[in-house]
């Protein structure tokens, strides 16, 4: 499996709640439809509004508002999606994110939930 993680920062014109609604209510469905049948699993993690109640808060704020996790069976499946120049979801991402970064990782389960795909 190929696991891709996308780190996203919301656009300046969006509150965190607006960003959350855009991603969960609109963008996620578009991604799932656009990347079928190659995308095998898709998870979205969005930061909570206020984490000051939790111990261990870092001194500086994270630059990211959310992370998307995507799984593809093969490199060819990944390329079938991201190798296209006609990806309609890209303009939507650029409109609603001020910054994003991709990280392709090898997942190592140590404890607990595993086998997302």
C-alpha atoms as a PDB file:
ATOM      1  CA  UNK A   1       0.000   0.000   0.000  1.00  0.00           C
ATOM      2  CA  UNK A   2       1.040   3.583  -0.682  1.00  0.00           C
ATOM      3  CA  UNK A   3       0.061   5.968   2.116  1.00  0.00           C
ATOM      4  CA  UNK A   4      -0.039   9.670   1.372  1.00  0.00           C
ATOM      5  CA  UNK A   5      -0.487  12.318   4.029  1.00  0.00           C
ATOM      6  CA  UNK A   6      -1.562  15.833   3.092  1.00  0.00           C
ATOM      7  CA  UNK A   7      -1.042  18.645   5.612  1.00  0.00           C
ATOM      8  CA  UNK A   8      -3.431  21.559   5.004  1.00  0.00           C
ATOM      9  CA  UNK A   9      -3.610  25.126   6.271  1.00  0.00           C
ATOM     10  CA  UNK A  10      -6.931  26.874   5.756  1.00  0.00           C
ATOM     11  CA  UNK A  11      -7.160  29.959   3.576  1.00  0.00           C
ATOM     12  CA  UNK A  12      -7.090  33.309   5.388  1.00  0.00           C
ATOM     13  CA  UNK A  13     -10.749  34.011   4.571  1.00  0.00           C
ATOM     14  CA  UNK A  14     -11.968  30.858   6.370  1.00  0.00           C
ATOM     15  CA  UNK A  15     -12.567  30.308  10.060  1.00  0.00           C
ATOM     16  CA  UNK A  16     -11.666  26.883  11.391  1.00  0.00           C
ATOM     17  CA  UNK A  17     -15.381  25.947  11.414  1.00  0.00           C
ATOM     18  CA  UNK A  18     -15.822  27.080   7.795  1.00  0.00           C
ATOM     19  CA  UNK A  19     -12.718  25.121   6.824  1.00  0.00           C
ATOM     20  CA  UNK A  20     -14.066  22.035   8.619  1.00  0.00           C
ATOM     21  CA  UNK A  21     -17.432  22.305   6.853  1.00  0.00           C
ATOM     22  CA  UNK A  22     -15.787  22.807   3.438  1.00  0.00           C
ATOM     23  CA  UNK A  23     -13.534  19.797   3.886  1.00  0.00           C
ATOM     24  CA  UNK A  24     -16.001  17.367   5.430  1.00  0.00           C
ATOM     25  CA  UNK A  25     -19.230  18.419   3.699  1.00  0.00           C
ATOM     26  CA  UNK A  26     -17.939  19.176   0.185  1.00  0.00           C
ATOM     27  CA  UNK A  27     -14.305  18.471  -0.603  1.00  0.00           C
ATOM     28  CA  UNK A  28     -14.135  14.944   0.838  1.00  0.00           C
ATOM     29  CA  UNK A  29     -16.962  13.671  -1.368  1.00  0.00           C
ATOM     30  CA  UNK A  30     -15.372  15.291  -4.424  1.00  0.00           C
ATOM     31  CA  UNK A  31     -12.014  13.664  -3.637  1.00  0.00           C
ATOM     32  CA  UNK A  32     -13.601  10.233  -3.126  1.00  0.00           C
ATOM     33  CA  UNK A  33     -15.521  10.488  -6.418  1.00  0.00           C
ATOM     34  CA  UNK A  34     -12.622  11.959  -8.406  1.00  0.00           C
ATOM     35  CA  UNK A  35     -10.092   9.389  -7.205  1.00  0.00           C
ATOM     36  CA  UNK A  36     -12.267   6.273  -7.526  1.00  0.00           C
ATOM     37  CA  UNK A  37     -11.532   3.444  -8.088  1.00  0.00           C
ATOM     38  CA  UNK A  38      -7.883   3.999  -7.172  1.00  0.00           C
ATOM     39  CA  UNK A  39      -8.313   5.464  -3.690  1.00  0.00           C
ATOM     40  CA  UNK A  40      -8.675   2.588  -1.220  1.00  0.00           C
ATOM     41  CA  UNK A  41      -9.109   4.563   2.029  1.00  0.00           C
ATOM     42  CA  UNK A  42      -9.380   8.210   2.993  1.00  0.00           C
ATOM     43  CA  UNK A  43      -9.282   9.710   6.497  1.00  0.00           C
ATOM     44  CA  UNK A  44      -9.455  13.337   7.526  1.00  0.00           C
ATOM     45  CA  UNK A  45      -8.085  14.703  10.793  1.00  0.00           C
ATOM     46  CA  UNK A  46      -8.971  18.323  11.636  1.00  0.00           C
ATOM     47  CA  UNK A  47      -7.560  20.135  14.634  1.00  0.00           C
ATOM     48  CA  UNK A  48      -9.895  20.922  17.492  1.00  0.00           C
ATOM     49  CA  UNK A  49     -10.918  24.501  18.239  1.00  0.00           C
ATOM     50  CA  UNK A  50      -9.107  24.817  21.566  1.00  0.00           C
ATOM     51  CA  UNK A  51      -6.470  22.398  22.782  1.00  0.00           C
ATOM     52  CA  UNK A  52      -5.365  24.558  25.726  1.00  0.00           C
ATOM     53  CA  UNK A  53      -7.192  22.191  28.098  1.00  0.00           C
ATOM     54  CA  UNK A  54      -4.777  19.376  27.209  1.00  0.00           C
ATOM     55  CA  UNK A  55      -1.353  19.048  28.815  1.00  0.00           C
ATOM     56  CA  UNK A  56       1.736  19.050  26.626  1.00  0.00           C
ATOM     57  CA  UNK A  57       0.731  21.936  24.356  1.00  0.00           C
ATOM     58  CA  UNK A  58       3.791  23.047  22.356  1.00  0.00           C
ATOM     59  CA  UNK A  59       5.020  26.619  22.759  1.00  0.00           C
ATOM     60  CA  UNK A  60       4.256  27.473  19.152  1.00  0.00           C
ATOM     61  CA  UNK A  61       1.051  26.926  17.214  1.00  0.00           C
ATOM     62  CA  UNK A  62       1.037  24.238  14.522  1.00  0.00           C
ATOM     63  CA  UNK A  63       1.084  25.633  10.996  1.00  0.00           C
ATOM     64  CA  UNK A  64      -1.464  22.990   9.921  1.00  0.00           C
ATOM     65  CA  UNK A  65      -5.220  22.860  10.426  1.00  0.00           C
ATOM     66  CA  UNK A  66      -5.706  19.306   9.233  1.00  0.00           C
ATOM     67  CA  UNK A  67      -4.262  16.162   7.778  1.00  0.00           C
ATOM     68  CA  UNK A  68      -5.683  13.897   5.098  1.00  0.00           C
ATOM     69  CA  UNK A  69      -4.567  10.282   4.922  1.00  0.00           C
ATOM     70  CA  UNK A  70      -4.992   8.421   1.653  1.00  0.00           C
ATOM     71  CA  UNK A  71      -4.171   4.849   0.719  1.00  0.00           C
ATOM     72  CA  UNK A  72      -3.509   3.533  -2.767  1.00  0.00           C
ATOM     73  CA  UNK A  73      -2.869  -0.099  -3.659  1.00  0.00           C
ATOM     74  CA  UNK A  74       0.099   0.637  -5.980  1.00  0.00           C
ATOM     75  CA  UNK A  75       2.272   3.443  -7.290  1.00  0.00           C
ATOM     76  CA  UNK A  76       0.424   3.088 -10.599  1.00  0.00           C
ATOM     77  CA  UNK A  77      -2.881   3.757  -8.810  1.00  0.00           C
ATOM     78  CA  UNK A  78      -1.389   6.837  -7.147  1.00  0.00           C
ATOM     79  CA  UNK A  79      -0.081   8.063 -10.520  1.00  0.00           C
ATOM     80  CA  UNK A  80      -3.470   7.439 -12.152  1.00  0.00           C
ATOM     81  CA  UNK A  81      -4.833  10.106  -9.785  1.00  0.00           C
ATOM     82  CA  UNK A  82      -2.002  12.559  -9.188  1.00  0.00           C
ATOM     83  CA  UNK A  83      -0.362  12.172 -12.591  1.00  0.00           C
ATOM     84  CA  UNK A  84      -3.386  13.744 -14.294  1.00  0.00           C
ATOM     85  CA  UNK A  85      -3.292  17.396 -15.269  1.00  0.00           C
ATOM     86  CA  UNK A  86      -7.102  17.719 -15.281  1.00  0.00           C
ATOM     87  CA  UNK A  87      -7.784  17.287 -11.557  1.00  0.00           C
ATOM     88  CA  UNK A  88     -10.895  19.375 -10.819  1.00  0.00           C
ATOM     89  CA  UNK A  89     -10.367  19.139  -7.069  1.00  0.00           C
ATOM     90  CA  UNK A  90      -7.050  21.022  -7.271  1.00  0.00           C
ATOM     91  CA  UNK A  91      -8.677  24.414  -7.918  1.00  0.00           C
ATOM     92  CA  UNK A  92     -11.003  23.819  -4.967  1.00  0.00           C
ATOM     93  CA  UNK A  93      -8.018  23.031  -2.733  1.00  0.00           C
ATOM     94  CA  UNK A  94      -6.141  26.136  -3.878  1.00  0.00           C
ATOM     95  CA  UNK A  95      -9.189  28.308  -3.164  1.00  0.00           C
ATOM     96  CA  UNK A  96      -9.680  26.985   0.381  1.00  0.00           C
ATOM     97  CA  UNK A  97      -6.106  26.325   1.528  1.00  0.00           C
ATOM     98  CA  UNK A  98      -3.318  28.826   1.952  1.00  0.00           C
ATOM     99  CA  UNK A  99      -0.716  26.079   2.105  1.00  0.00           C
ATOM    100  CA  UNK A 100      -0.477  22.316   1.756  1.00  0.00           C
ATOM    101  CA  UNK A 101       2.275  19.759   1.809  1.00  0.00           C
ATOM    102  CA  UNK A 102       2.475  16.119   0.761  1.00  0.00           C
ATOM    103  CA  UNK A 103       4.318  13.379   2.601  1.00  0.00           C
ATOM    104  CA  UNK A 104       4.424   9.800   1.296  1.00  0.00           C
ATOM    105  CA  UNK A 105       5.041   7.466   4.195  1.00  0.00           C
ATOM    106  CA  UNK A 106       5.511   3.854   5.112  1.00  0.00           C
ATOM    107  CA  UNK A 107       3.124   3.038   7.931  1.00  0.00           C
ATOM    108  CA  UNK A 108       4.312   0.986  10.921  1.00  0.00           C
ATOM    109  CA  UNK A 109       1.610  -0.090  13.376  1.00  0.00           C
ATOM    110  CA  UNK A 110       2.951  -0.397  16.900  1.00  0.00           C
ATOM    111  CA  UNK A 111      -0.199  -0.769  18.973  1.00  0.00           C
ATOM    112  CA  UNK A 112      -3.951  -0.673  18.562  1.00  0.00           C
ATOM    113  CA  UNK A 113      -5.992   0.022  15.495  1.00  0.00           C
ATOM    114  CA  UNK A 114      -4.369  -1.065  12.289  1.00  0.00           C
ATOM    115  CA  UNK A 115      -5.405  -2.130   8.835  1.00  0.00           C
ATOM    116  CA  UNK A 116      -7.363   0.972   7.811  1.00  0.00           C
ATOM    117  CA  UNK A 117      -7.577  -0.315   4.275  1.00  0.00           C
END
